[in-house]
Amino acid sequence: MTVTSTDDKVSRWLEVRAPLASRRLRTLAELNEAGIPTYAFVGPLLPHFATRPELLDDLFARLVEAGVGEVFMEHINLKRYIRELMDQVLADEPEDVREAYLQARTKEHSEQLDAIVAELLDKHGLRLRFEEVVHHDDNDALRQRLASSA
């Protein structure tokens, strides 16, 4: 199940018609209580997690509370057509939010976020599916991993 944030307002902003983050977390807990193994898809990793790692820390803690032991993660996909849509949505957001999304387009940002993710996964005892955070520039490698795990 996809869980991108613990904040219902952020959840609604990202996925207008999807269930709120709080509902997704409750569903994961209910599934685990019923003995159904689960994992969470944390994607896209929101750019502001690099400057506000406590938000990602909280997300991981809530996933563990819900009984999740494994996560599949990907960086935000910022291909041109997505950037153009995102830029329109972000036009009315504060400068620091717009700047975080601009920084998300850099290799340094991805590396910084990967380091934060690794530390927090270890802290919370979560396993990372495919042993890395997926980068969209490496879709061929992802396809190979998915095929070999099937």
N, C-alpha and C. Protein backbone atom coordinates (compact mmCIF):
# COMPACT_ATOMS: atom_id res chain seq x y z
N MET A 1 0.84 -1.17 0.00
CA MET A 1 0.00 0.00 0.00
C MET A 1 0.90 1.24 0.00
N THR A 2 0.54 2.22 -0.79
CA THR A 2 1.30 3.46 -0.87
C THR A 2 0.99 4.36 0.32
N VAL A 3 2.04 4.81 0.99
CA VAL A 3 1.92 5.79 2.07
C VAL A 3 3.07 6.77 1.87
N THR A 4 2.74 7.98 1.52
CA THR A 4 3.76 8.98 1.19
C THR A 4 4.01 9.96 2.33
N SER A 5 3.04 10.08 3.21
CA SER A 5 3.12 11.06 4.28
C SER A 5 2.21 10.62 5.41
N THR A 6 2.41 11.17 6.60
CA THR A 6 1.46 10.96 7.68
C THR A 6 0.47 12.12 7.77
N ASP A 7 0.69 13.12 6.98
CA ASP A 7 -0.12 14.34 6.99
C ASP A 7 -1.26 14.20 5.99
N ASP A 8 -2.49 14.18 6.48
CA ASP A 8 -3.65 14.02 5.59
C ASP A 8 -3.78 15.16 4.59
N LYS A 9 -3.37 16.38 4.98
CA LYS A 9 -3.44 17.50 4.02
C LYS A 9 -2.48 17.29 2.86
N VAL A 10 -1.27 16.82 3.16
CA VAL A 10 -0.29 16.53 2.10
C VAL A 10 -0.80 15.37 1.25
N SER A 11 -1.33 14.37 1.90
CA SER A 11 -1.87 13.21 1.20
C SER A 11 -2.96 13.64 0.22
N ARG A 12 -3.86 14.48 0.65
CA ARG A 12 -4.95 14.95 -0.20
C ARG A 12 -4.41 15.79 -1.36
N TRP A 13 -3.39 16.61 -1.09
CA TRP A 13 -2.80 17.46 -2.12
C TRP A 13 -2.15 16.61 -3.21
N LEU A 14 -1.44 15.55 -2.80
CA LEU A 14 -0.74 14.71 -3.77
C LEU A 14 -1.67 13.81 -4.55
N GLU A 15 -2.64 13.23 -3.87
CA GLU A 15 -3.51 12.24 -4.49
C GLU A 15 -4.96 12.58 -4.14
N VAL A 16 -5.54 13.42 -4.94
CA VAL A 16 -6.84 14.02 -4.65
C VAL A 16 -7.93 12.99 -4.36
N ARG A 17 -7.97 11.92 -5.10
CA ARG A 17 -9.07 10.95 -4.96
C ARG A 17 -8.72 9.70 -4.16
N ALA A 18 -7.51 9.60 -3.67
CA ALA A 18 -7.08 8.42 -2.93
C ALA A 18 -7.44 8.54 -1.45
N PRO A 19 -7.49 7.42 -0.75
CA PRO A 19 -7.75 7.48 0.70
C PRO A 19 -6.67 8.30 1.41
N LEU A 20 -7.06 8.95 2.48
CA LEU A 20 -6.12 9.75 3.26
C LEU A 20 -5.04 8.87 3.87
N ALA A 21 -3.91 9.48 4.17
CA ALA A 21 -2.79 8.76 4.76
C ALA A 21 -3.19 8.06 6.05
N SER A 22 -3.97 8.72 6.88
CA SER A 22 -4.39 8.11 8.15
C SER A 22 -5.19 6.84 7.90
N ARG A 23 -6.02 6.84 6.89
CA ARG A 23 -6.82 5.65 6.56
C ARG A 23 -5.93 4.52 6.04
N ARG A 24 -4.93 4.87 5.25
CA ARG A 24 -4.02 3.86 4.73
C ARG A 24 -3.24 3.19 5.86
N LEU A 25 -2.79 4.00 6.82
CA LEU A 25 -2.06 3.45 7.97
C LEU A 25 -2.96 2.54 8.80
N ARG A 26 -4.22 2.94 9.00
CA ARG A 26 -5.16 2.09 9.74
C ARG A 26 -5.39 0.78 8.99
N THR A 27 -5.51 0.86 7.66
CA THR A 27 -5.73 -0.35 6.86
C THR A 27 -4.54 -1.30 6.97
N LEU A 28 -3.32 -0.76 6.90
CA LEU A 28 -2.14 -1.61 7.07
C LEU A 28 -2.16 -2.30 8.44
N ALA A 29 -2.51 -1.57 9.48
CA ALA A 29 -2.57 -2.15 10.83
C ALA A 29 -3.63 -3.25 10.88
N GLU A 30 -4.79 -3.00 10.29
CA GLU A 30 -5.87 -3.99 10.30
C GLU A 30 -5.45 -5.25 9.53
N LEU A 31 -4.79 -5.08 8.41
CA LEU A 31 -4.33 -6.24 7.64
C LEU A 31 -3.31 -7.05 8.43
N ASN A 32 -2.37 -6.36 9.06
CA ASN A 32 -1.36 -7.05 9.86
C ASN A 32 -1.98 -7.76 11.07
N GLU A 33 -2.95 -7.12 11.71
CA GLU A 33 -3.65 -7.75 12.84
C GLU A 33 -4.39 -9.00 12.39
N ALA A 34 -4.84 -9.03 11.14
CA ALA A 34 -5.55 -10.19 10.59
C ALA A 34 -4.57 -11.26 10.10
N GLY A 35 -3.27 -11.01 10.26
CA GLY A 35 -2.27 -12.00 9.85
C GLY A 35 -1.88 -11.91 8.38
N ILE A 36 -2.25 -10.85 7.72
CA ILE A 36 -1.90 -10.67 6.31
C ILE A 36 -0.63 -9.84 6.23
N PRO A 37 0.45 -10.43 5.69
CA PRO A 37 1.70 -9.67 5.61
C PRO A 37 1.56 -8.48 4.64
N THR A 38 2.20 -7.40 5.00
CA THR A 38 2.12 -6.19 4.18
C THR A 38 3.50 -5.57 4.02
N TYR A 39 3.60 -4.68 3.06
CA TYR A 39 4.74 -3.78 2.97
C TYR A 39 4.18 -2.45 2.49
N ALA A 40 4.94 -1.41 2.66
CA ALA A 40 4.49 -0.09 2.23
C ALA A 40 5.35 0.39 1.07
N PHE A 41 4.69 1.06 0.15
CA PHE A 41 5.38 1.74 -0.93
C PHE A 41 5.46 3.20 -0.54
N VAL A 42 6.66 3.69 -0.31
CA VAL A 42 6.87 5.09 0.05
C VAL A 42 7.40 5.77 -1.20
N GLY A 43 6.50 6.35 -1.93
CA GLY A 43 6.90 6.99 -3.17
C GLY A 43 5.80 7.88 -3.68
N PRO A 44 6.18 8.98 -4.16
CA PRO A 44 7.57 9.41 -4.23
C PRO A 44 8.07 9.92 -2.89
N LEU A 45 9.38 9.81 -2.69
CA LEU A 45 9.98 10.45 -1.52
C LEU A 45 9.83 11.95 -1.72
N LEU A 46 9.19 12.60 -0.82
CA LEU A 46 8.92 14.02 -0.97
C LEU A 46 10.20 14.83 -0.77
N PRO A 47 10.45 15.79 -1.65
CA PRO A 47 11.70 16.55 -1.60
C PRO A 47 11.98 17.21 -0.25
N HIS A 48 10.95 17.64 0.44
CA HIS A 48 11.20 18.33 1.72
C HIS A 48 11.67 17.39 2.83
N PHE A 49 11.66 16.08 2.62
CA PHE A 49 12.22 15.15 3.61
C PHE A 49 13.73 15.39 3.79
N ALA A 50 14.38 15.94 2.78
CA ALA A 50 15.82 16.22 2.89
C ALA A 50 16.10 17.33 3.92
N THR A 51 15.19 18.26 4.03
CA THR A 51 15.38 19.35 4.99
C THR A 51 14.56 19.16 6.26
N ARG A 52 13.59 18.24 6.20
CA ARG A 52 12.75 17.95 7.37
C ARG A 52 12.71 16.44 7.61
N PRO A 53 13.89 15.82 7.90
CA PRO A 53 13.94 14.36 8.06
C PRO A 53 13.04 13.84 9.18
N GLU A 54 12.67 14.71 10.11
CA GLU A 54 11.78 14.27 11.19
C GLU A 54 10.42 13.82 10.64
N LEU A 55 10.03 14.36 9.50
CA LEU A 55 8.76 13.94 8.89
C LEU A 55 8.87 12.52 8.34
N LEU A 56 9.99 12.18 7.76
CA LEU A 56 10.22 10.82 7.27
C LEU A 56 10.40 9.87 8.46
N ASP A 57 11.05 10.34 9.50
CA ASP A 57 11.21 9.56 10.73
C ASP A 57 9.83 9.21 11.29
N ASP A 58 8.93 10.17 11.33
CA ASP A 58 7.57 9.94 11.82
C ASP A 58 6.84 8.94 10.91
N LEU A 59 7.00 9.08 9.61
CA LEU A 59 6.35 8.15 8.68
C LEU A 59 6.83 6.72 8.93
N PHE A 60 8.13 6.53 9.06
CA PHE A 60 8.67 5.19 9.32
C PHE A 60 8.16 4.65 10.66
N ALA A 61 8.13 5.50 11.68
CA ALA A 61 7.63 5.06 12.99
C ALA A 61 6.18 4.61 12.90
N ARG A 62 5.37 5.36 12.17
CA ARG A 62 3.95 5.01 12.02
C ARG A 62 3.77 3.74 11.22
N LEU A 63 4.63 3.51 10.23
CA LEU A 63 4.56 2.26 9.45
C LEU A 63 4.88 1.07 10.35
N VAL A 64 5.92 1.21 11.18
CA VAL A 64 6.29 0.13 12.09
C VAL A 64 5.16 -0.13 13.09
N GLU A 65 4.55 0.95 13.60
CA GLU A 65 3.40 0.80 14.52
C GLU A 65 2.26 0.02 13.85
N ALA A 66 2.12 0.18 12.54
CA ALA A 66 1.06 -0.51 11.79
C ALA A 66 1.44 -1.95 11.45
N GLY A 67 2.66 -2.36 11.83
CA GLY A 67 3.08 -3.73 11.59
C GLY A 67 3.88 -3.94 10.32
N VAL A 68 4.23 -2.88 9.66
CA VAL A 68 5.01 -2.98 8.42
C VAL A 68 6.48 -3.23 8.78
N GLY A 69 7.11 -4.15 8.07
CA GLY A 69 8.52 -4.43 8.30
C GLY A 69 9.38 -4.21 7.07
N GLU A 70 8.73 -3.92 5.95
CA GLU A 70 9.47 -3.77 4.69
C GLU A 70 8.85 -2.64 3.88
N VAL A 71 9.73 -1.85 3.24
CA VAL A 71 9.27 -0.75 2.39
C VAL A 71 9.93 -0.81 1.02
N PHE A 72 9.21 -0.36 0.04
CA PHE A 72 9.70 -0.18 -1.32
C PHE A 72 9.66 1.31 -1.53
N MET A 73 10.76 1.90 -1.97
CA MET A 73 10.83 3.36 -2.04
C MET A 73 11.36 3.83 -3.38
N GLU A 74 10.89 5.01 -3.77
CA GLU A 74 11.41 5.62 -4.99
C GLU A 74 11.51 7.13 -4.82
N HIS A 75 12.50 7.68 -5.51
CA HIS A 75 12.62 9.13 -5.56
C HIS A 75 11.52 9.69 -6.45
N ILE A 76 11.24 10.95 -6.27
CA ILE A 76 10.21 11.60 -7.08
C ILE A 76 10.62 11.57 -8.56
N ASN A 77 9.67 11.27 -9.39
CA ASN A 77 9.88 11.21 -10.83
C ASN A 77 9.73 12.62 -11.39
N LEU A 78 10.82 13.18 -11.85
CA LEU A 78 10.76 14.56 -12.32
C LEU A 78 11.07 14.66 -13.82
N LYS A 79 10.50 13.74 -14.57
CA LYS A 79 10.61 13.85 -16.02
C LYS A 79 9.94 15.15 -16.45
N ARG A 80 10.27 15.64 -17.61
CA ARG A 80 9.85 16.97 -18.03
C ARG A 80 8.35 17.22 -17.91
N TYR A 81 7.53 16.29 -18.40
CA TYR A 81 6.08 16.53 -18.36
C TYR A 81 5.57 16.59 -16.92
N ILE A 82 6.19 15.85 -16.01
CA ILE A 82 5.78 15.91 -14.61
C ILE A 82 6.26 17.22 -13.99
N ARG A 83 7.47 17.65 -14.32
CA ARG A 83 7.97 18.94 -13.80
C ARG A 83 7.07 20.08 -14.23
N GLU A 84 6.62 20.05 -15.47
CA GLU A 84 5.76 21.13 -15.95
C GLU A 84 4.45 21.19 -15.18
N LEU A 85 3.86 20.04 -14.91
CA LEU A 85 2.63 20.00 -14.11
C LEU A 85 2.90 20.43 -12.68
N MET A 86 4.00 19.92 -12.12
CA MET A 86 4.36 20.24 -10.75
C MET A 86 4.64 21.73 -10.59
N ASP A 87 5.32 22.33 -11.56
CA ASP A 87 5.62 23.75 -11.49
C ASP A 87 4.34 24.59 -11.44
N GLN A 88 3.31 24.15 -12.16
CA GLN A 88 2.03 24.86 -12.12
C GLN A 88 1.40 24.76 -10.73
N VAL A 89 1.44 23.58 -10.17
CA VAL A 89 0.86 23.36 -8.85
C VAL A 89 1.63 24.13 -7.78
N LEU A 90 2.96 24.17 -7.91
CA LEU A 90 3.80 24.81 -6.91
C LEU A 90 3.88 26.32 -7.02
N ALA A 91 3.35 26.88 -8.09
CA ALA A 91 3.47 28.32 -8.34
C ALA A 91 2.96 29.16 -7.17
N ASP A 92 1.94 28.70 -6.49
CA ASP A 92 1.36 29.47 -5.38
C ASP A 92 1.89 29.05 -4.01
N GLU A 93 2.84 28.13 -3.99
CA GLU A 93 3.40 27.65 -2.73
C GLU A 93 4.52 28.60 -2.27
N PRO A 94 4.88 28.55 -0.97
CA PRO A 94 5.95 29.41 -0.47
C PRO A 94 7.28 29.10 -1.17
N GLU A 95 8.17 30.06 -1.12
CA GLU A 95 9.47 29.96 -1.80
C GLU A 95 10.26 28.72 -1.36
N ASP A 96 10.25 28.42 -0.05
CA ASP A 96 11.03 27.27 0.42
C ASP A 96 10.50 25.95 -0.13
N VAL A 97 9.21 25.86 -0.35
CA VAL A 97 8.62 24.65 -0.94
C VAL A 97 9.05 24.55 -2.40
N ARG A 98 8.94 25.64 -3.14
CA ARG A 98 9.36 25.64 -4.55
C ARG A 98 10.84 25.29 -4.67
N GLU A 99 11.64 25.84 -3.77
CA GLU A 99 13.08 25.58 -3.79
C GLU A 99 13.39 24.10 -3.52
N ALA A 100 12.66 23.50 -2.60
CA ALA A 100 12.87 22.08 -2.29
C ALA A 100 12.62 21.22 -3.53
N TYR A 101 11.61 21.56 -4.30
CA TYR A 101 11.32 20.78 -5.51
C TYR A 101 12.33 21.05 -6.61
N LEU A 102 12.90 22.23 -6.65
CA LEU A 102 13.98 22.50 -7.61
C LEU A 102 15.23 21.70 -7.23
N GLN A 103 15.55 21.68 -5.94
CA GLN A 103 16.72 20.93 -5.48
C GLN A 103 16.57 19.43 -5.71
N ALA A 104 15.33 18.96 -5.70
CA ALA A 104 15.07 17.52 -5.89
C ALA A 104 15.53 17.03 -7.25
N ARG A 105 15.83 17.93 -8.13
CA ARG A 105 16.26 17.57 -9.49
C ARG A 105 17.77 17.32 -9.56
N THR A 106 18.46 17.46 -8.44
CA THR A 106 19.92 17.32 -8.44
C THR A 106 20.35 15.97 -7.88
N LYS A 107 21.51 15.52 -8.32
CA LYS A 107 22.10 14.28 -7.82
C LYS A 107 22.42 14.41 -6.33
N GLU A 108 22.89 15.58 -5.92
CA GLU A 108 23.25 15.81 -4.52
C GLU A 108 22.03 15.62 -3.61
N HIS A 109 20.89 16.09 -4.07
CA HIS A 109 19.66 15.93 -3.28
C HIS A 109 19.33 14.44 -3.10
N SER A 110 19.40 13.69 -4.18
CA SER A 110 19.11 12.26 -4.11
C SER A 110 20.07 11.55 -3.16
N GLU A 111 21.33 11.90 -3.24
CA GLU A 111 22.33 11.28 -2.36
C GLU A 111 22.06 11.64 -0.90
N GLN A 112 21.72 12.90 -0.65
CA GLN A 112 21.41 13.34 0.72
C GLN A 112 20.19 12.58 1.25
N LEU A 113 19.16 12.46 0.43
CA LEU A 113 17.96 11.76 0.83
C LEU A 113 18.23 10.27 1.04
N ASP A 114 19.05 9.67 0.19
CA ASP A 114 19.41 8.26 0.35
C ASP A 114 20.09 8.03 1.71
N ALA A 115 20.96 8.94 2.11
CA ALA A 115 21.65 8.81 3.40
C ALA A 115 20.66 8.92 4.56
N ILE A 116 19.73 9.84 4.46
CA ILE A 116 18.70 9.99 5.50
C ILE A 116 17.85 8.73 5.58
N VAL A 117 17.44 8.22 4.43
CA VAL A 117 16.62 7.01 4.38
C VAL A 117 17.37 5.84 5.03
N ALA A 118 18.63 5.65 4.68
CA ALA A 118 19.41 4.53 5.23
C ALA A 118 19.48 4.61 6.75
N GLU A 119 19.74 5.79 7.27
CA GLU A 119 19.81 5.96 8.73
C GLU A 119 18.48 5.65 9.40
N LEU A 120 17.40 6.14 8.81
CA LEU A 120 16.08 5.94 9.42
C LEU A 120 15.58 4.50 9.27
N LEU A 121 15.91 3.85 8.17
CA LEU A 121 15.54 2.44 8.01
C LEU A 121 16.20 1.63 9.13
N ASP A 122 17.47 1.90 9.36
CA ASP A 122 18.21 1.21 10.40
C ASP A 122 17.60 1.51 11.77
N LYS A 123 17.31 2.75 12.04
CA LYS A 123 16.73 3.16 13.32
C LYS A 123 15.44 2.42 13.61
N HIS A 124 14.60 2.25 12.58
CA HIS A 124 13.28 1.65 12.77
C HIS A 124 13.23 0.15 12.47
N GLY A 125 14.35 -0.41 12.04
CA GLY A 125 14.39 -1.84 11.76
C GLY A 125 13.60 -2.24 10.53
N LEU A 126 13.45 -1.33 9.60
CA LEU A 126 12.72 -1.62 8.36
C LEU A 126 13.67 -2.16 7.30
N ARG A 127 13.19 -3.11 6.52
CA ARG A 127 13.95 -3.63 5.38
C ARG A 127 13.54 -2.86 4.13
N LEU A 128 14.51 -2.67 3.25
CA LEU A 128 14.27 -1.96 1.99
C LEU A 128 14.21 -2.98 0.87
N ARG A 129 13.06 -3.07 0.22
CA ARG A 129 12.92 -3.98 -0.92
C ARG A 129 13.90 -3.58 -2.00
N PHE A 130 14.51 -4.54 -2.63
CA PHE A 130 15.48 -4.36 -3.70
C PHE A 130 16.74 -3.65 -3.23
N GLU A 131 16.87 -3.47 -1.92
CA GLU A 131 18.08 -2.95 -1.28
C GLU A 131 18.52 -1.56 -1.73
N GLU A 132 17.63 -0.81 -2.37
CA GLU A 132 17.95 0.57 -2.72
C GLU A 132 16.68 1.35 -3.01
N VAL A 133 16.80 2.65 -2.89
CA VAL A 133 15.71 3.54 -3.27
C VAL A 133 15.77 3.66 -4.79
N VAL A 134 14.65 3.46 -5.44
CA VAL A 134 14.61 3.47 -6.90
C VAL A 134 14.75 4.90 -7.43
N HIS A 135 15.59 5.03 -8.44
CA HIS A 135 15.76 6.28 -9.16
C HIS A 135 15.17 6.08 -10.55
N HIS A 136 14.42 7.01 -11.03
CA HIS A 136 13.75 6.83 -12.33
C HIS A 136 14.71 6.83 -13.50
N ASP A 137 15.91 7.29 -13.31
CA ASP A 137 16.88 7.24 -14.40
C ASP A 137 17.38 5.83 -14.63
N ASP A 138 17.01 4.91 -13.74
CA ASP A 138 17.53 3.55 -13.80
C ASP A 138 16.39 2.53 -13.94
N ASN A 139 15.44 2.80 -14.83
CA ASN A 139 14.27 1.94 -14.99
C ASN A 139 14.62 0.54 -15.49
N ASP A 140 15.68 0.38 -16.31
CA ASP A 140 16.06 -0.95 -16.78
C ASP A 140 16.48 -1.84 -15.62
N ALA A 141 17.26 -1.30 -14.70
CA ALA A 141 17.69 -2.08 -13.53
C ALA A 141 16.49 -2.46 -12.67
N LEU A 142 15.53 -1.56 -12.53
CA LEU A 142 14.32 -1.85 -11.76
C LEU A 142 13.55 -2.99 -12.41
N ARG A 143 13.38 -2.95 -13.71
CA ARG A 143 12.66 -4.02 -14.41
C ARG A 143 13.33 -5.37 -14.17
N GLN A 144 14.65 -5.41 -14.20
CA GLN A 144 15.38 -6.66 -13.96
C GLN A 144 15.14 -7.17 -12.55
N ARG A 145 15.18 -6.27 -11.55
CA ARG A 145 14.95 -6.69 -10.16
C ARG A 145 13.53 -7.21 -9.99
N LEU A 146 12.56 -6.51 -10.59
CA LEU A 146 11.17 -6.95 -10.47
C LEU A 146 10.98 -8.32 -11.13
N ALA A 147 11.58 -8.53 -12.28
CA ALA A 147 11.46 -9.81 -12.99
C ALA A 147 12.10 -10.94 -12.19
N SER A 148 13.24 -10.67 -11.56
CA SER A 148 13.92 -11.73 -10.81
C SER A 148 13.23 -12.05 -9.50
N SER A 149 12.42 -11.13 -8.97
CA SER A 149 11.73 -11.40 -7.71
C SER A 149 10.36 -12.04 -7.93
N ALA A 150 9.92 -12.10 -9.17
CA ALA A 150 8.58 -12.65 -9.46
C ALA A 150 8.55 -14.15 -9.37
